[in-house]
């Protein structure tokens, strides 16, 4: 009923594929995209966000914008390492979700400033972390507005050049995240570590390094070490805490697990996925009736147009 009504009005439904059929993958990702917003709305309605609910909403929407940005950047690695071409169909949805949470982030900030435009503009212009965040938001809006099929056709090769800015936008968003977090930067460090992991994979692809379990294991270890070094450097520069103390905290498991270990845990999923994929491929090509069966070649997923907020790297 809803599908027919939306179709008659020319409104695309996010859980349908290009042929108008229900995609369970897109439906599941769509549910995951709106779940944080629904939770935050319910928490606000139930007065469960503390003494400053708008401030809590500002922080939460910004954090989710960064998380979904990282999810969108994870699509290409997941596609190749897991040999899962169908996952490409959700990249556009994730990109639009990033923009939506980022716009909500700014809107809530404007509400917190009583919608006084002059005050909002002056704060953004005078506070460096707000300036950086605003530039990142403008970039996300530009990518979101050019995510339609028509924009991709009209821009041609320039579309790919424009959407490669997603990496610069991600760096700006992470810097904004660090600066506004002030004292405890555990969450920004974890997000930055994941970004380093994802960019490390892209470096491997750029230099045509083999995507073997051993190389992905090495990538995970390097990303974990880089995350620990980043955390130590940030605390050293921001608060003067000796780097040796921060690095030593990574080996103290009596307290919270440091971000570097979480990044390592996520990174270890990559060689694990590669091992499973390799085992599956060997099973498919195992000898059958005394002869070695040829590997089954699955048709590539139809991808008429590239998706936004995550270039084809």
Foldseek 3Di string as FASTA:
>chain_A
DVLVVCVVVVHDDQQADPVSHGDPVSVVVVCVLCVVVVVLVVCVVVVNCPPDSLVSLLLSLLLVLLVLLLVLLCQLLCCPLLVPQVSQSCSQVSLVSSLVSLVVNLVSVCVVVVVPVVVSVVCCVPPVLSVLSVVLNVLSVVLNVCQDPVSCVVCPPVNLVSQVCLLVSSVSSLVSLQVVVQPDCQSSLLSVLSSQLSVLVVVCVVVVPDQALVVLLVSLLVSLVVSLVVVLVVCCVRPNDHSVVSSVVCVDPPDDHGSSVVSSVVSNVSSVSNVVSVVVQCVQQDDDPNHGDDGDDDDRDDDPDGGGSHHND
